[in-house]
Amino acid sequence: MTMKAPARNDWTTTLFDCCAQPSGLGFCFYALCCPSCAYGSNVELMEPVMCCGGHCCGACCAYTCMACLGCPCMLQMMARGYIRNKYGIPGGGCGDFLVTWCCTPCALCQERRELLIRGHGKGGVVQGGFHSVQQAPQQHQMVMMPVPVPQPGYYPPPQPGYYPPPQPGYYPPPQPGYPVLQPGYPPQAPPQGYCPSAPTEAVAQGKVV
């Protein structure tokens, strides 16, 4: 039996592929004659987040009760919306209502094929293999980046506004234009007319002009 590969963000089979695999002609007659049982078989392959998910008998009874009230499509809308939301299939509640109300057996067959092609088992457990759309998580490989080695004699340029702290025992060289006394250099005589500050007592006595 050859089946299609799961489609990405779309139904794998169309609504009117009623006899297509993997559900086949048998499930088509099953959905036509007893839609409540066919609905229960589909919900059995769904997760418990769905109403009666994973339980065929419970879903079948719920569908029969809704059929007595005249609106069984409400439950099938929820099942169809579950498949769409799980696999990113475009659509909405209005479209689901029209399909489940007007073409109930065709919708049941399409939902059955989609669940089987995507590898759903009882309780909504997705089996591994070709039909599983869940891909294994990709392993991230670590890439070793080379560490830069400083070249001998290379000093990086200083950053603007950054002043390194002074090293102990280090005295910066004098700036240009700053006089430096050489050893043995005689001090210069004070300029003419220069008078050092007089003591306070001399100033008080008026001896210093």
Protein backbone atom coordinates (compact mmCIF):
# COMPACT_ATOMS: atom_id res chain seq x y z
CA MET A 1 0.00 0.00 0.00
CA THR A 2 1.48 3.29 -1.14
CA MET A 3 0.56 6.46 0.72
CA LYS A 4 1.37 10.08 0.10
CA ALA A 5 3.92 11.94 2.11
CA PRO A 6 2.42 14.40 4.63
CA ALA A 7 1.88 17.84 3.13
CA ARG A 8 3.27 20.90 4.82
CA ASN A 9 0.63 23.35 6.07
CA ASP A 10 -2.12 21.77 3.97
CA TRP A 11 -4.38 18.72 3.74
CA THR A 12 -2.51 15.81 2.22
CA THR A 13 -5.60 14.60 0.32
CA THR A 14 -8.56 16.54 -1.00
CA LEU A 15 -12.07 16.45 0.41
CA PHE A 16 -13.40 14.24 -2.39
CA ASP A 17 -10.65 11.57 -2.31
CA CYS A 18 -13.11 9.45 -0.37
CA CYS A 19 -11.74 6.07 -1.45
CA ALA A 20 -8.07 7.02 -1.33
CA GLN A 21 -5.62 5.23 0.90
CA PRO A 22 -4.95 4.74 3.74
CA SER A 23 -8.63 4.82 4.79
CA GLY A 24 -9.84 3.24 1.54
CA LEU A 25 -13.26 2.27 0.29
CA GLY A 26 -14.16 0.43 3.50
CA PHE A 27 -14.00 3.48 5.72
CA CYS A 28 -15.94 5.44 3.09
CA PHE A 29 -18.94 3.09 3.46
CA TYR A 30 -18.39 3.06 7.23
CA ALA A 31 -18.67 6.86 7.43
CA LEU A 32 -21.68 6.84 5.09
CA CYS A 33 -23.64 4.22 7.06
CA CYS A 34 -22.61 5.06 10.64
CA PRO A 35 -21.03 8.52 10.91
CA SER A 36 -21.09 8.44 14.71
CA CYS A 37 -18.90 5.31 14.79
CA ALA A 38 -16.60 6.75 12.13
CA TYR A 39 -16.28 9.91 14.20
CA GLY A 40 -15.40 7.83 17.26
CA SER A 41 -12.71 6.01 15.28
CA ASN A 42 -11.18 9.33 14.27
CA VAL A 43 -11.27 10.84 17.76
CA GLU A 44 -9.60 7.70 19.10
CA LEU A 45 -6.48 8.83 17.19
CA MET A 46 -6.52 12.30 18.80
CA GLU A 47 -5.02 13.62 22.00
CA PRO A 48 -7.04 13.95 25.23
CA VAL A 49 -7.21 17.74 24.70
CA MET A 50 -9.99 16.92 22.25
CA CYS A 51 -13.44 16.02 23.65
CA CYS A 52 -13.30 12.25 24.39
CA GLY A 53 -9.87 12.19 22.73
CA GLY A 54 -8.41 8.68 22.69
CA HIS A 55 -11.76 6.99 23.46
CA CYS A 56 -13.78 5.63 20.58
CA CYS A 57 -16.91 4.67 22.56
CA GLY A 58 -17.14 7.96 24.42
CA ALA A 59 -16.77 9.99 21.23
CA CYS A 60 -19.35 7.81 19.47
CA CYS A 61 -21.87 8.34 22.29
CA ALA A 62 -21.22 12.09 22.35
CA TYR A 63 -21.76 12.31 18.60
CA THR A 64 -25.02 10.33 18.86
CA CYS A 65 -26.31 12.67 21.58
CA MET A 66 -25.50 15.71 19.48
CA ALA A 67 -27.20 14.06 16.50
CA CYS A 68 -30.38 13.74 18.58
CA LEU A 69 -30.19 17.48 19.19
CA GLY A 70 -29.78 18.08 15.47
CA CYS A 71 -26.24 19.49 15.50
CA PRO A 72 -23.66 16.67 15.37
CA CYS A 73 -21.44 18.85 13.19
CA MET A 74 -20.43 20.86 16.27
CA LEU A 75 -18.27 18.00 17.53
CA GLN A 76 -16.85 17.26 14.12
CA MET A 77 -15.97 20.95 13.73
CA MET A 78 -13.85 20.68 16.87
CA ALA A 79 -12.10 17.55 15.56
CA ARG A 80 -11.39 19.15 12.22
CA GLY A 81 -10.12 22.32 13.90
CA TYR A 82 -7.84 20.19 16.07
CA ILE A 83 -6.15 18.73 12.98
CA ARG A 84 -5.84 22.12 11.30
CA ASN A 85 -4.33 23.82 14.34
CA LYS A 86 -1.91 20.96 15.02
CA TYR A 87 -0.44 20.99 11.52
CA GLY A 88 -0.88 24.62 10.51
CA ILE A 89 -3.52 23.92 7.86
CA PRO A 90 -5.25 27.14 6.77
CA GLY A 91 -8.97 27.51 7.32
CA GLY A 92 -11.46 28.66 9.91
CA GLY A 93 -14.52 27.72 11.90
CA CYS A 94 -16.92 28.87 9.19
CA GLY A 95 -15.34 26.60 6.58
CA ASP A 96 -15.23 23.69 9.03
CA PHE A 97 -18.95 24.14 9.75
CA LEU A 98 -19.92 24.12 6.09
CA VAL A 99 -17.80 21.05 5.31
CA THR A 100 -18.98 19.01 8.30
CA TRP A 101 -22.62 19.98 7.80
CA CYS A 102 -22.89 19.52 4.04
CA CYS A 103 -20.30 16.76 3.41
CA THR A 104 -20.12 14.80 6.66
CA PRO A 105 -18.91 11.45 5.24
CA CYS A 106 -16.36 13.12 2.95
CA ALA A 107 -15.01 15.19 5.85
CA LEU A 108 -14.76 12.11 8.08
CA CYS A 109 -12.81 10.25 5.40
CA GLN A 110 -10.43 13.16 4.82
CA GLU A 111 -9.77 13.56 8.54
CA ARG A 112 -9.17 9.81 8.87
CA ARG A 113 -6.64 9.79 6.03
CA GLU A 114 -4.84 12.80 7.45
CA LEU A 115 -4.47 11.23 10.88
CA LEU A 116 -3.20 7.95 9.46
CA ILE A 117 -0.78 9.55 7.00
CA ARG A 118 0.70 11.66 9.77
CA GLY A 119 1.24 8.55 11.88
CA HIS A 120 -1.34 9.03 14.64
CA GLY A 121 -1.92 6.13 16.96
CA LYS A 122 -4.40 5.63 19.76
CA GLY A 123 -4.49 8.63 22.07
CA GLY A 124 -2.91 10.92 19.50
CA VAL A 125 0.57 9.44 19.88
CA VAL A 126 2.51 10.16 16.69
CA GLN A 127 4.52 7.13 15.64
CA GLY A 128 8.04 7.50 14.29
CA GLY A 129 9.06 6.78 10.72
CA PHE A 130 7.98 8.03 7.32
CA HIS A 131 4.56 9.23 8.42
CA SER A 132 5.74 11.29 11.35
CA VAL A 133 5.95 14.99 10.66
CA GLN A 134 7.77 15.64 13.87
CA GLN A 135 11.38 16.04 12.95
CA ALA A 136 14.17 15.17 15.31
CA PRO A 137 15.70 18.20 16.98
CA GLN A 138 18.74 19.40 15.16
CA GLN A 139 21.99 19.08 17.00
CA HIS A 140 23.92 22.30 17.12
CA GLN A 141 27.57 21.79 16.42
CA MET A 142 30.06 23.84 18.37
CA VAL A 143 32.45 25.76 16.17
CA MET A 144 35.82 26.56 17.71
CA MET A 145 36.85 30.11 16.94
CA PRO A 146 40.59 30.87 16.85
CA VAL A 147 41.86 33.02 19.71
CA PRO A 148 43.80 36.07 18.47
CA VAL A 149 47.45 35.98 19.55
CA PRO A 150 49.06 39.41 20.14
CA GLN A 151 52.05 40.11 17.92
CA PRO A 152 55.36 41.01 19.61
CA GLY A 153 55.88 44.77 19.81
CA TYR A 154 52.23 45.54 19.10
CA TYR A 155 50.32 47.77 21.47
CA PRO A 156 46.64 48.41 20.82
CA PRO A 157 45.67 52.08 20.42
CA PRO A 158 44.25 53.70 23.56
CA GLN A 159 40.52 54.12 23.81
CA PRO A 160 39.20 57.71 23.82
CA GLY A 161 38.63 58.98 27.33
CA TYR A 162 40.54 56.12 28.93
CA TYR A 163 43.47 56.84 31.23
CA PRO A 164 45.31 53.84 32.62
CA PRO A 165 46.09 53.92 36.34
CA PRO A 166 49.69 54.93 37.23
CA GLN A 167 52.09 52.12 37.90
CA PRO A 168 53.87 52.09 41.30
CA GLY A 169 57.33 53.67 41.09
CA TYR A 170 56.67 55.13 37.66
CA TYR A 171 57.12 58.84 36.94
CA PRO A 172 55.99 60.16 33.59
CA PRO A 173 58.58 62.01 31.47
CA PRO A 174 58.46 65.83 31.56
CA GLN A 175 56.33 67.60 29.01
CA PRO A 176 57.99 69.61 26.18
CA GLY A 177 59.02 73.11 27.31
CA TYR A 178 59.26 72.17 30.95
CA PRO A 179 62.73 73.08 32.36
CA VAL A 180 64.70 70.26 33.86
CA LEU A 181 67.60 71.00 36.20
CA GLN A 182 70.69 69.17 35.14
CA PRO A 183 73.16 67.91 37.74
CA GLY A 184 75.64 70.64 38.69
CA TYR A 185 73.63 73.37 36.94
CA PRO A 186 73.99 76.67 38.97
CA PRO A 187 70.76 78.31 39.97
CA GLN A 188 69.96 81.55 38.19
CA ALA A 189 70.07 84.92 39.98
CA PRO A 190 66.75 86.51 40.76
CA PRO A 191 65.66 89.17 38.30
CA GLN A 192 66.42 92.83 38.98
CA GLY A 193 63.91 94.53 41.23
CA TYR A 194 62.73 91.26 42.71
CA CYS A 195 62.14 91.39 46.43
CA PRO A 196 61.19 88.35 48.44
CA SER A 197 58.36 88.52 50.86
CA ALA A 198 59.31 90.38 54.05
CA PRO A 199 58.58 89.07 57.51
CA THR A 200 55.39 90.18 59.09
CA GLU A 201 57.19 92.16 61.85
CA ALA A 202 59.14 94.22 59.27
CA VAL A 203 56.03 95.09 57.43
CA ALA A 204 54.33 96.11 60.64
CA GLN A 205 57.20 98.49 61.50
CA GLY A 206 57.17 100.07 58.05
CA LYS A 207 60.71 99.08 57.26
CA VAL A 208 59.77 97.33 54.06
CA VAL A 209 58.45 99.43 51.27
